[in-house]
Every structure is written in structure tokens, then in C-alpha cells.
Amino acid sequence: MSNIRLLIDLTLKDFKKKYVGSYLGILWAFVTPIITIGVFWFVFEVGFKSAPVDNFPFILWLSCGMIPWFFITDVLNNGTNSVIENDYLVKKVVFKVELLPLVKVISGLVIHLAFIIFVIGIFLSYGYSLDLYSLQIIYYCLAVCVLVTGIIFISSALIIFLKDIGQIISVILQFGFWLTPIFWSLEQIPEKYNFYLKLNPFYYIINGYREALIYKTWFWEHPYLTIYFWTITIIMLIIGGTIFKRLRPHFADSL
């Protein structure tokens, strides 16, 4: 219970550090993503006159891909620096440093849940109602949280000794954005490349959000893809936990 209470306190402090003192406060967490979605919508639907995707308005289809990607990029960017920016806590012998990356996951998740409500509101405004399939959003939220936790355990530990990790994460996210079907559909790609694109674990998440809200497909209808995703995710979590634990004793000396 003490760890949970500490985790909550650290998350609240993280929010205050980010947003207290600015005029819009926590609203800044929503401004950039909403503007980004708006720009993509204007360029592709208004400018290029993009047709509805699978008979769904482009803005709905796009939002289902962009919202989880915003969460992924936010957590990976902030989580990678979570230990460095709290070096004063790391140097305390009794402090559990492994909580710092988790704070970034929880902090990002709170914003993410608000965005999910925002997207659901857009769906309702277009006349689309929720059903049992929509509950899978909870499953995919859990899935993406576990995946990014494993990654930031690795990156937040390594960046202390290898400063280039921050730039490497940024490059991976840039390539990942274009290699993940966020505003393009897998059907637009030659079938011979589909297998390789599905090796990207973020594909499972982005596609999952759309299947929950648009295509009405259960995650267990893709057994091999689900098994592959969780295998990769658990491996990342184990590797991340191991690296973080082994490097932890050397954090204070290197900060």
C-alpha cells in the first residue's frame, strides 16, 4: 500500500511540475494532439478530399490511430528521462527508483483516458453508438501500458550511461509513425509486405483500437497476432526489468 500511495503522490507531483504556472495548465496536454489531428483531418479530408475509410468518416478512423500513438510517444519520450530528471530521488538509498518510469506511464495514461472519452464523444456526435466490442479498449490500454513499461525500463536505465538513447528513441518513433498504420490502411500496402508490417508490436495496438470502435472484431479472432504481441511484450518487460535492476546500483555514481 505504501508503494501505491507513493506512486500516486509522485504522479500528482509530475502533473504539477509539468503544468502548474502556465495559463492553460493541464489543457496544454490536449492542445498539441488536438491540433495535430485537426491538421491531418484538414489536409487529407478537406484538402485531398480523402474518401471515407471502410465507409467510416476519415476523422473517426484517423482519431482511433492517433490517440494511442500520442500515448506511446508521450510515455516513451518522458519515461526515457524519468530517472535523470529525478536524480535527487535516485541518490536516496531507500527510494525505489523503479517507480519513476511507472509514474510516467500512469501520468500519460490519465491523459490518454481523457482522449479516449474525447474520441468516444466524436463517435457519438457522428451517430455511432458504443457496444460490447468497445469494451476492448480497456484490454488494449492494458496491452500498450505493459509494452511501453518494458521499453522505458530499458531506455531510462541505459540513457544514464549512454546519452544518445534519447535521440535513438526519437528516431525510432519517427520511423515507427510511418511504419505503423496510423493514417494509412494495411489494405493499401502490397500483400507481400503485410507480414513484416505486423511484426511491429505497435501495429497490434493501433489496429486493436480500430477493431474495438470501428470494425467490431474481438482480439481473440487474431490468435497468432495476439500470441506474438504478448510474447514480444513479456520479453521486453523481462529484459527491461533485468537491465534496470542490474544497472540500478550504478545510477547514483553516474548522475
C-alpha atoms as a PDB file:
ATOM      1  CA  MET A   1       0.000   0.000   0.000  1.00  0.00           C
ATOM      2  CA  SER A   2       2.868   2.383   0.776  1.00  0.00           C
ATOM      3  CA  ASN A   3       4.238   1.911  -2.754  1.00  0.00           C
ATOM      4  CA  ILE A   4       0.827   2.649  -4.282  1.00  0.00           C
ATOM      5  CA  ARG A   5       0.463   5.780  -2.174  1.00  0.00           C
ATOM      6  CA  LEU A   6       3.963   6.898  -3.146  1.00  0.00           C
ATOM      7  CA  LEU A   7       3.207   6.203  -6.811  1.00  0.00           C
ATOM      8  CA  ILE A   8       0.083   8.373  -6.633  1.00  0.00           C
ATOM      9  CA  ASP A   9       1.957  11.188  -4.865  1.00  0.00           C
ATOM     10  CA  LEU A  10       4.739  11.113  -7.466  1.00  0.00           C
ATOM     11  CA  THR A  11       2.207  11.144 -10.298  1.00  0.00           C
ATOM     12  CA  LEU A  12       0.463  14.204  -8.832  1.00  0.00           C
ATOM     13  CA  LYS A  13       3.817  15.949  -8.437  1.00  0.00           C
ATOM     14  CA  ASP A  14       4.644  15.086 -12.045  1.00  0.00           C
ATOM     15  CA  PHE A  15       1.428  16.777 -13.213  1.00  0.00           C
ATOM     16  CA  LYS A  16       2.143  19.850 -11.097  1.00  0.00           C
ATOM     17  CA  LYS A  17       5.700  20.113 -12.391  1.00  0.00           C
ATOM     18  CA  LYS A  18       4.502  19.942 -15.996  1.00  0.00           C
ATOM     19  CA  TYR A  19       1.512  22.255 -15.912  1.00  0.00           C
ATOM     20  CA  VAL A  20       1.417  24.459 -12.802  1.00  0.00           C
ATOM     21  CA  GLY A  21       2.345  28.043 -13.610  1.00  0.00           C
ATOM     22  CA  SER A  22       1.047  28.066 -17.197  1.00  0.00           C
ATOM     23  CA  TYR A  23      -2.199  29.830 -18.057  1.00  0.00           C
ATOM     24  CA  LEU A  24      -3.854  26.791 -19.637  1.00  0.00           C
ATOM     25  CA  GLY A  25      -2.422  24.323 -17.134  1.00  0.00           C
ATOM     26  CA  ILE A  26      -3.178  20.694 -17.923  1.00  0.00           C
ATOM     27  CA  LEU A  27      -5.050  21.766 -21.073  1.00  0.00           C
ATOM     28  CA  TRP A  28      -1.644  22.027 -22.766  1.00  0.00           C
ATOM     29  CA  ALA A  29      -1.550  18.222 -22.739  1.00  0.00           C
ATOM     30  CA  PHE A  30      -4.510  18.260 -25.132  1.00  0.00           C
ATOM     31  CA  VAL A  31      -3.735  21.276 -27.305  1.00  0.00           C
ATOM     32  CA  THR A  32      -0.957  19.815 -29.474  1.00  0.00           C
ATOM     33  CA  PRO A  33      -2.615  16.413 -30.099  1.00  0.00           C
ATOM     34  CA  ILE A  34      -5.961  18.007 -30.997  1.00  0.00           C
ATOM     35  CA  ILE A  35      -4.258  20.479 -33.336  1.00  0.00           C
ATOM     36  CA  THR A  36      -2.301  17.611 -34.935  1.00  0.00           C
ATOM     37  CA  ILE A  37      -5.463  15.592 -35.557  1.00  0.00           C
ATOM     38  CA  GLY A  38      -7.153  18.716 -36.894  1.00  0.00           C
ATOM     39  CA  VAL A  39      -4.297  19.427 -39.313  1.00  0.00           C
ATOM     40  CA  PHE A  40      -4.251  15.857 -40.636  1.00  0.00           C
ATOM     41  CA  TRP A  41      -8.037  15.932 -40.984  1.00  0.00           C
ATOM     42  CA  PHE A  42      -7.946  19.246 -42.869  1.00  0.00           C
ATOM     43  CA  VAL A  43      -5.113  18.192 -45.182  1.00  0.00           C
ATOM     44  CA  PHE A  44      -6.411  14.754 -46.086  1.00  0.00           C
ATOM     45  CA  GLU A  45     -10.185  15.154 -45.898  1.00  0.00           C
ATOM     46  CA  VAL A  46     -10.697  18.797 -46.825  1.00  0.00           C
ATOM     47  CA  GLY A  47      -7.581  19.342 -48.959  1.00  0.00           C
ATOM     48  CA  PHE A  48      -7.058  15.994 -50.671  1.00  0.00           C
ATOM     49  CA  LYS A  49     -10.745  15.039 -50.399  1.00  0.00           C
ATOM     50  CA  SER A  50      -9.905  11.670 -48.865  1.00  0.00           C
ATOM     51  CA  ALA A  51     -12.817   9.272 -49.106  1.00  0.00           C
ATOM     52  CA  PRO A  52     -14.224   7.587 -46.002  1.00  0.00           C
ATOM     53  CA  VAL A  53     -12.161   4.580 -44.949  1.00  0.00           C
ATOM     54  CA  ASP A  54     -14.248   1.398 -44.978  1.00  0.00           C
ATOM     55  CA  ASN A  55     -17.378   3.579 -45.014  1.00  0.00           C
ATOM     56  CA  PHE A  56     -16.301   5.413 -41.868  1.00  0.00           C
ATOM     57  CA  PRO A  57     -15.643   9.160 -41.732  1.00  0.00           C
ATOM     58  CA  PHE A  58     -11.917   9.778 -42.078  1.00  0.00           C
ATOM     59  CA  ILE A  59     -11.740  11.809 -38.858  1.00  0.00           C
ATOM     60  CA  LEU A  60     -13.064   8.853 -36.833  1.00  0.00           C
ATOM     61  CA  TRP A  61     -10.729   6.379 -38.486  1.00  0.00           C
ATOM     62  CA  LEU A  62      -7.762   8.722 -38.034  1.00  0.00           C
ATOM     63  CA  SER A  63      -8.532   9.500 -34.381  1.00  0.00           C
ATOM     64  CA  CYS A  64      -8.543   5.804 -33.464  1.00  0.00           C
ATOM     65  CA  GLY A  65      -4.971   5.550 -34.722  1.00  0.00           C
ATOM     66  CA  MET A  66      -3.631   8.869 -33.485  1.00  0.00           C
ATOM     67  CA  ILE A  67      -4.871   8.691 -29.886  1.00  0.00           C
ATOM     68  CA  PRO A  68      -2.891   5.549 -28.876  1.00  0.00           C
ATOM     69  CA  TRP A  69       0.142   6.849 -30.786  1.00  0.00           C
ATOM     70  CA  PHE A  70       0.104  10.081 -28.774  1.00  0.00           C
ATOM     71  CA  PHE A  71       0.174   7.975 -25.605  1.00  0.00           C
ATOM     72  CA  ILE A  72       3.061   5.843 -26.887  1.00  0.00           C
ATOM     73  CA  THR A  73       5.215   8.819 -27.885  1.00  0.00           C
ATOM     74  CA  ASP A  74       4.432  10.741 -24.694  1.00  0.00           C
ATOM     75  CA  VAL A  75       5.361   7.861 -22.401  1.00  0.00           C
ATOM     76  CA  LEU A  76       8.480   6.815 -24.320  1.00  0.00           C
ATOM     77  CA  ASN A  77       9.840  10.363 -24.534  1.00  0.00           C
ATOM     78  CA  ASN A  78       9.097  11.280 -20.922  1.00  0.00           C
ATOM     79  CA  GLY A  79       9.756   7.839 -19.493  1.00  0.00           C
ATOM     80  CA  THR A  80      13.228   7.672 -21.010  1.00  0.00           C
ATOM     81  CA  ASN A  81      14.255  10.735 -18.955  1.00  0.00           C
ATOM     82  CA  SER A  82      12.323   9.762 -15.822  1.00  0.00           C
ATOM     83  CA  VAL A  83      15.378   8.715 -13.805  1.00  0.00           C
ATOM     84  CA  ILE A  84      17.642  11.555 -14.944  1.00  0.00           C
ATOM     85  CA  GLU A  85      15.150  14.296 -14.135  1.00  0.00           C
ATOM     86  CA  ASN A  86      14.670  12.904 -10.623  1.00  0.00           C
ATOM     87  CA  ASP A  87      18.346  12.392  -9.782  1.00  0.00           C
ATOM     88  CA  TYR A  88      17.839  13.832  -6.285  1.00  0.00           C
ATOM     89  CA  LEU A  89      15.496  10.917  -5.504  1.00  0.00           C
ATOM     90  CA  VAL A  90      17.808   8.343  -7.074  1.00  0.00           C
ATOM     91  CA  LYS A  91      20.568   9.290  -4.654  1.00  0.00           C
ATOM     92  CA  LYS A  92      18.354   8.406  -1.696  1.00  0.00           C
ATOM     93  CA  VAL A  93      19.339   4.905  -0.622  1.00  0.00           C
ATOM     94  CA  VAL A  94      15.856   3.836   0.482  1.00  0.00           C
ATOM     95  CA  PHE A  95      13.955   5.214  -2.516  1.00  0.00           C
ATOM     96  CA  LYS A  96      12.531   2.693  -5.001  1.00  0.00           C
ATOM     97  CA  VAL A  97      13.826   4.087  -8.290  1.00  0.00           C
ATOM     98  CA  GLU A  98      11.780   1.618 -10.356  1.00  0.00           C
ATOM     99  CA  LEU A  99       8.696   3.688  -9.516  1.00  0.00           C
ATOM    100  CA  LEU A 100       9.942   6.638 -11.593  1.00  0.00           C
ATOM    101  CA  PRO A 101       9.288   5.077 -15.035  1.00  0.00           C
ATOM    102  CA  LEU A 102       5.900   3.860 -13.784  1.00  0.00           C
ATOM    103  CA  VAL A 103       4.968   7.434 -12.834  1.00  0.00           C
ATOM    104  CA  LYS A 104       5.335   8.458 -16.489  1.00  0.00           C
ATOM    105  CA  VAL A 105       3.127   5.564 -17.598  1.00  0.00           C
ATOM    106  CA  ILE A 106       0.375   6.461 -15.132  1.00  0.00           C
ATOM    107  CA  SER A 107       0.668  10.179 -15.876  1.00  0.00           C
ATOM    108  CA  GLY A 108       0.371   9.504 -19.613  1.00  0.00           C
ATOM    109  CA  LEU A 109      -2.482   7.063 -19.045  1.00  0.00           C
ATOM    110  CA  VAL A 110      -4.602   9.690 -17.281  1.00  0.00           C
ATOM    111  CA  ILE A 111      -4.306  11.993 -20.309  1.00  0.00           C
ATOM    112  CA  HIS A 112      -4.889   9.025 -22.618  1.00  0.00           C
ATOM    113  CA  LEU A 113      -8.144   8.077 -20.895  1.00  0.00           C
ATOM    114  CA  ALA A 114      -9.350  11.654 -21.291  1.00  0.00           C
ATOM    115  CA  PHE A 115      -8.576  11.442 -25.008  1.00  0.00           C
ATOM    116  CA  ILE A 116     -10.494   8.175 -25.285  1.00  0.00           C
ATOM    117  CA  ILE A 117     -13.534   9.930 -23.822  1.00  0.00           C
ATOM    118  CA  PHE A 118     -12.941  12.727 -26.342  1.00  0.00           C
ATOM    119  CA  VAL A 119     -12.894  10.235 -29.253  1.00  0.00           C
ATOM    120  CA  ILE A 120     -15.994   8.467 -27.966  1.00  0.00           C
ATOM    121  CA  GLY A 121     -17.695  11.869 -27.908  1.00  0.00           C
ATOM    122  CA  ILE A 122     -16.774  12.356 -31.584  1.00  0.00           C
ATOM    123  CA  PHE A 123     -18.214   8.916 -32.410  1.00  0.00           C
ATOM    124  CA  LEU A 124     -21.451   9.759 -30.621  1.00  0.00           C
ATOM    125  CA  SER A 125     -21.677  13.119 -32.397  1.00  0.00           C
ATOM    126  CA  TYR A 126     -21.468  11.269 -35.729  1.00  0.00           C
ATOM    127  CA  GLY A 127     -24.298   8.967 -34.655  1.00  0.00           C
ATOM    128  CA  TYR A 128     -22.238   5.876 -33.819  1.00  0.00           C
ATOM    129  CA  SER A 129     -23.061   4.174 -30.521  1.00  0.00           C
ATOM    130  CA  LEU A 130     -20.899   2.024 -28.265  1.00  0.00           C
ATOM    131  CA  ASP A 131     -21.349  -1.734 -27.789  1.00  0.00           C
ATOM    132  CA  LEU A 132     -19.627  -4.701 -26.169  1.00  0.00           C
ATOM    133  CA  TYR A 133     -16.785  -4.568 -28.689  1.00  0.00           C
ATOM    134  CA  SER A 134     -15.914  -1.106 -27.403  1.00  0.00           C
ATOM    135  CA  LEU A 135     -15.010  -2.577 -24.000  1.00  0.00           C
ATOM    136  CA  GLN A 136     -11.878  -3.978 -25.635  1.00  0.00           C
ATOM    137  CA  ILE A 137     -10.403  -0.506 -25.302  1.00  0.00           C
ATOM    138  CA  ILE A 138      -9.677  -1.494 -21.676  1.00  0.00           C
ATOM    139  CA  TYR A 139      -7.738  -4.541 -22.901  1.00  0.00           C
ATOM    140  CA  TYR A 140      -5.731  -2.550 -25.440  1.00  0.00           C
ATOM    141  CA  CYS A 141      -4.988   0.149 -22.835  1.00  0.00           C
ATOM    142  CA  LEU A 142      -3.536  -2.546 -20.592  1.00  0.00           C
ATOM    143  CA  ALA A 143      -1.594  -4.034 -23.508  1.00  0.00           C
ATOM    144  CA  VAL A 144       0.031  -0.759 -24.533  1.00  0.00           C
ATOM    145  CA  CYS A 145       0.854   0.107 -20.903  1.00  0.00           C
ATOM    146  CA  VAL A 146       2.712  -3.163 -20.410  1.00  0.00           C
ATOM    147  CA  LEU A 147       4.567  -2.753 -23.717  1.00  0.00           C
ATOM    148  CA  VAL A 148       5.792   0.801 -23.078  1.00  0.00           C
ATOM    149  CA  THR A 149       6.701  -0.068 -19.473  1.00  0.00           C
ATOM    150  CA  GLY A 150       9.145  -2.699 -20.686  1.00  0.00           C
ATOM    151  CA  ILE A 151      10.652  -0.285 -23.208  1.00  0.00           C
ATOM    152  CA  ILE A 152      11.143   2.610 -20.801  1.00  0.00           C
ATOM    153  CA  PHE A 153      12.708   0.368 -18.171  1.00  0.00           C
ATOM    154  CA  ILE A 154      15.382  -0.296 -20.786  1.00  0.00           C
ATOM    155  CA  SER A 155      15.723   3.257 -22.100  1.00  0.00           C
ATOM    156  CA  SER A 156      15.582   5.047 -18.721  1.00  0.00           C
ATOM    157  CA  ALA A 157      18.382   2.839 -17.389  1.00  0.00           C
ATOM    158  CA  LEU A 158      20.614   2.996 -20.473  1.00  0.00           C
ATOM    159  CA  ILE A 159      20.331   6.758 -21.016  1.00  0.00           C
ATOM    160  CA  ILE A 160      22.206   7.367 -17.762  1.00  0.00           C
ATOM    161  CA  PHE A 161      25.292   5.769 -19.297  1.00  0.00           C
ATOM    162  CA  LEU A 162      24.587   6.401 -22.993  1.00  0.00           C
ATOM    163  CA  LYS A 163      23.131   9.850 -23.632  1.00  0.00           C
ATOM    164  CA  ASP A 164      22.381   9.011 -27.279  1.00  0.00           C
ATOM    165  CA  ILE A 165      19.463   6.831 -26.166  1.00  0.00           C
ATOM    166  CA  GLY A 166      17.152   9.870 -26.166  1.00  0.00           C
ATOM    167  CA  GLN A 167      17.928  10.587 -29.817  1.00  0.00           C
ATOM    168  CA  ILE A 168      17.623   6.897 -30.698  1.00  0.00           C
ATOM    169  CA  ILE A 169      14.133   6.785 -29.181  1.00  0.00           C
ATOM    170  CA  SER A 170      13.144   9.895 -31.162  1.00  0.00           C
ATOM    171  CA  VAL A 171      14.371   8.339 -34.422  1.00  0.00           C
ATOM    172  CA  ILE A 172      12.565   5.069 -33.685  1.00  0.00           C
ATOM    173  CA  LEU A 173       9.335   6.976 -33.023  1.00  0.00           C
ATOM    174  CA  GLN A 174       9.685   8.938 -36.261  1.00  0.00           C
ATOM    175  CA  PHE A 175      10.145   5.773 -38.293  1.00  0.00           C
ATOM    176  CA  GLY A 176       7.519   3.993 -36.212  1.00  0.00           C
ATOM    177  CA  PHE A 177       4.925   6.644 -37.042  1.00  0.00           C
ATOM    178  CA  TRP A 178       5.239   5.957 -40.764  1.00  0.00           C
ATOM    179  CA  LEU A 179       5.640   2.184 -40.412  1.00  0.00           C
ATOM    180  CA  THR A 180       2.515   1.883 -38.257  1.00  0.00           C
ATOM    181  CA  PRO A 181      -0.918   2.104 -39.952  1.00  0.00           C
ATOM    182  CA  ILE A 182      -1.934   5.344 -38.257  1.00  0.00           C
ATOM    183  CA  PHE A 183      -3.295   7.241 -41.233  1.00  0.00           C
ATOM    184  CA  TRP A 184      -2.892   4.562 -43.880  1.00  0.00           C
ATOM    185  CA  SER A 185      -4.607   1.199 -44.083  1.00  0.00           C
ATOM    186  CA  LEU A 186      -2.883  -2.161 -44.411  1.00  0.00           C
ATOM    187  CA  GLU A 187      -5.075  -2.832 -47.458  1.00  0.00           C
ATOM    188  CA  GLN A 188      -3.233  -0.026 -49.274  1.00  0.00           C
ATOM    189  CA  ILE A 189       0.070  -1.895 -48.972  1.00  0.00           C
ATOM    190  CA  PRO A 190       1.055  -4.810 -51.260  1.00  0.00           C
ATOM    191  CA  GLU A 191       0.137  -8.048 -49.517  1.00  0.00           C
ATOM    192  CA  LYS A 192       3.723  -9.358 -49.633  1.00  0.00           C
ATOM    193  CA  TYR A 193       4.722  -6.666 -47.094  1.00  0.00           C
ATOM    194  CA  ASN A 194       1.851  -7.233 -44.664  1.00  0.00           C
ATOM    195  CA  PHE A 195       3.645  -9.916 -42.676  1.00  0.00           C
ATOM    196  CA  TYR A 196       6.633  -7.659 -41.990  1.00  0.00           C
ATOM    197  CA  LEU A 197       4.481  -4.686 -41.005  1.00  0.00           C
ATOM    198  CA  LYS A 198       2.626  -6.842 -38.494  1.00  0.00           C
ATOM    199  CA  LEU A 199       5.926  -7.624 -36.764  1.00  0.00           C
ATOM    200  CA  ASN A 200       5.753  -4.081 -35.398  1.00  0.00           C
ATOM    201  CA  PRO A 201       4.102  -4.538 -31.952  1.00  0.00           C
ATOM    202  CA  PHE A 202       2.546  -1.072 -32.250  1.00  0.00           C
ATOM    203  CA  TYR A 203       0.532  -2.385 -35.196  1.00  0.00           C
ATOM    204  CA  TYR A 204      -1.388  -4.623 -32.791  1.00  0.00           C
ATOM    205  CA  ILE A 205      -2.316  -1.647 -30.613  1.00  0.00           C
ATOM    206  CA  ILE A 206      -3.336   0.783 -33.382  1.00  0.00           C
ATOM    207  CA  ASN A 207      -5.298  -1.873 -35.233  1.00  0.00           C
ATOM    208  CA  GLY A 208      -6.850  -3.006 -31.956  1.00  0.00           C
ATOM    209  CA  TYR A 209      -8.315   0.409 -31.170  1.00  0.00           C
ATOM    210  CA  ARG A 210      -9.920   0.495 -34.611  1.00  0.00           C
ATOM    211  CA  GLU A 211     -11.259  -3.034 -34.275  1.00  0.00           C
ATOM    212  CA  ALA A 212     -12.802  -2.146 -30.918  1.00  0.00           C
ATOM    213  CA  LEU A 213     -14.519   1.037 -32.110  1.00  0.00           C
ATOM    214  CA  ILE A 214     -14.928   0.614 -35.869  1.00  0.00           C
ATOM    215  CA  TYR A 215     -14.517  -2.909 -37.227  1.00  0.00           C
ATOM    216  CA  LYS A 216     -16.178  -4.688 -34.292  1.00  0.00           C
ATOM    217  CA  THR A 217     -13.727  -7.572 -34.059  1.00  0.00           C
ATOM    218  CA  TRP A 218     -12.666  -9.429 -30.917  1.00  0.00           C
ATOM    219  CA  PHE A 219      -8.949  -9.596 -30.188  1.00  0.00           C
ATOM    220  CA  TRP A 220      -9.056 -13.391 -29.861  1.00  0.00           C
ATOM    221  CA  GLU A 221     -10.079 -13.604 -33.519  1.00  0.00           C
ATOM    222  CA  HIS A 222      -6.393 -12.927 -34.253  1.00  0.00           C
ATOM    223  CA  PRO A 223      -4.837 -15.656 -32.076  1.00  0.00           C
ATOM    224  CA  TYR A 224      -1.405 -15.743 -33.715  1.00  0.00           C
ATOM    225  CA  LEU A 225      -1.052 -11.959 -33.707  1.00  0.00           C
ATOM    226  CA  THR A 226      -2.166 -11.794 -30.067  1.00  0.00           C
ATOM    227  CA  ILE A 227       0.273 -14.519 -29.001  1.00  0.00           C
ATOM    228  CA  TYR A 228       3.081 -12.800 -30.919  1.00  0.00           C
ATOM    229  CA  PHE A 229       2.334  -9.417 -29.337  1.00  0.00           C
ATOM    230  CA  TRP A 230       2.262 -10.717 -25.777  1.00  0.00           C
ATOM    231  CA  THR A 231       5.392 -12.813 -26.344  1.00  0.00           C
ATOM    232  CA  ILE A 232       7.306  -9.727 -27.517  1.00  0.00           C
ATOM    233  CA  THR A 233       5.799  -7.587 -24.749  1.00  0.00           C
ATOM    234  CA  ILE A 234       6.646 -10.030 -21.942  1.00  0.00           C
ATOM    235  CA  ILE A 235      10.172 -10.470 -23.312  1.00  0.00           C
ATOM    236  CA  MET A 236      10.614  -6.680 -23.355  1.00  0.00           C
ATOM    237  CA  LEU A 237       9.295  -6.448 -19.790  1.00  0.00           C
ATOM    238  CA  ILE A 238      11.662  -9.155 -18.545  1.00  0.00           C
ATOM    239  CA  ILE A 239      14.657  -7.654 -20.349  1.00  0.00           C
ATOM    240  CA  GLY A 240      13.732  -4.167 -19.153  1.00  0.00           C
ATOM    241  CA  GLY A 241      13.331  -5.270 -15.552  1.00  0.00           C
ATOM    242  CA  THR A 242      16.615  -7.178 -15.628  1.00  0.00           C
ATOM    243  CA  ILE A 243      18.617  -4.304 -17.148  1.00  0.00           C
ATOM    244  CA  PHE A 244      17.110  -1.776 -14.748  1.00  0.00           C
ATOM    245  CA  LYS A 245      17.803  -3.965 -11.714  1.00  0.00           C
ATOM    246  CA  ARG A 246      21.418  -4.661 -12.677  1.00  0.00           C
ATOM    247  CA  LEU A 247      22.259  -1.057 -13.515  1.00  0.00           C
ATOM    248  CA  ARG A 248      20.378   0.432 -10.546  1.00  0.00           C
ATOM    249  CA  PRO A 249      23.367   0.263  -8.120  1.00  0.00           C
ATOM    250  CA  HIS A 250      25.396   2.434 -10.508  1.00  0.00           C
ATOM    251  CA  PHE A 251      22.777   5.150 -11.147  1.00  0.00           C
ATOM    252  CA  ALA A 252      23.825   7.491  -8.316  1.00  0.00           C
ATOM    253  CA  ASP A 253      27.502   7.402  -9.307  1.00  0.00           C
ATOM    254  CA  SER A 254      26.741   8.284 -12.928  1.00  0.00           C
ATOM    255  CA  LEU A 255      24.202  11.068 -12.354  1.00  0.00           C
END
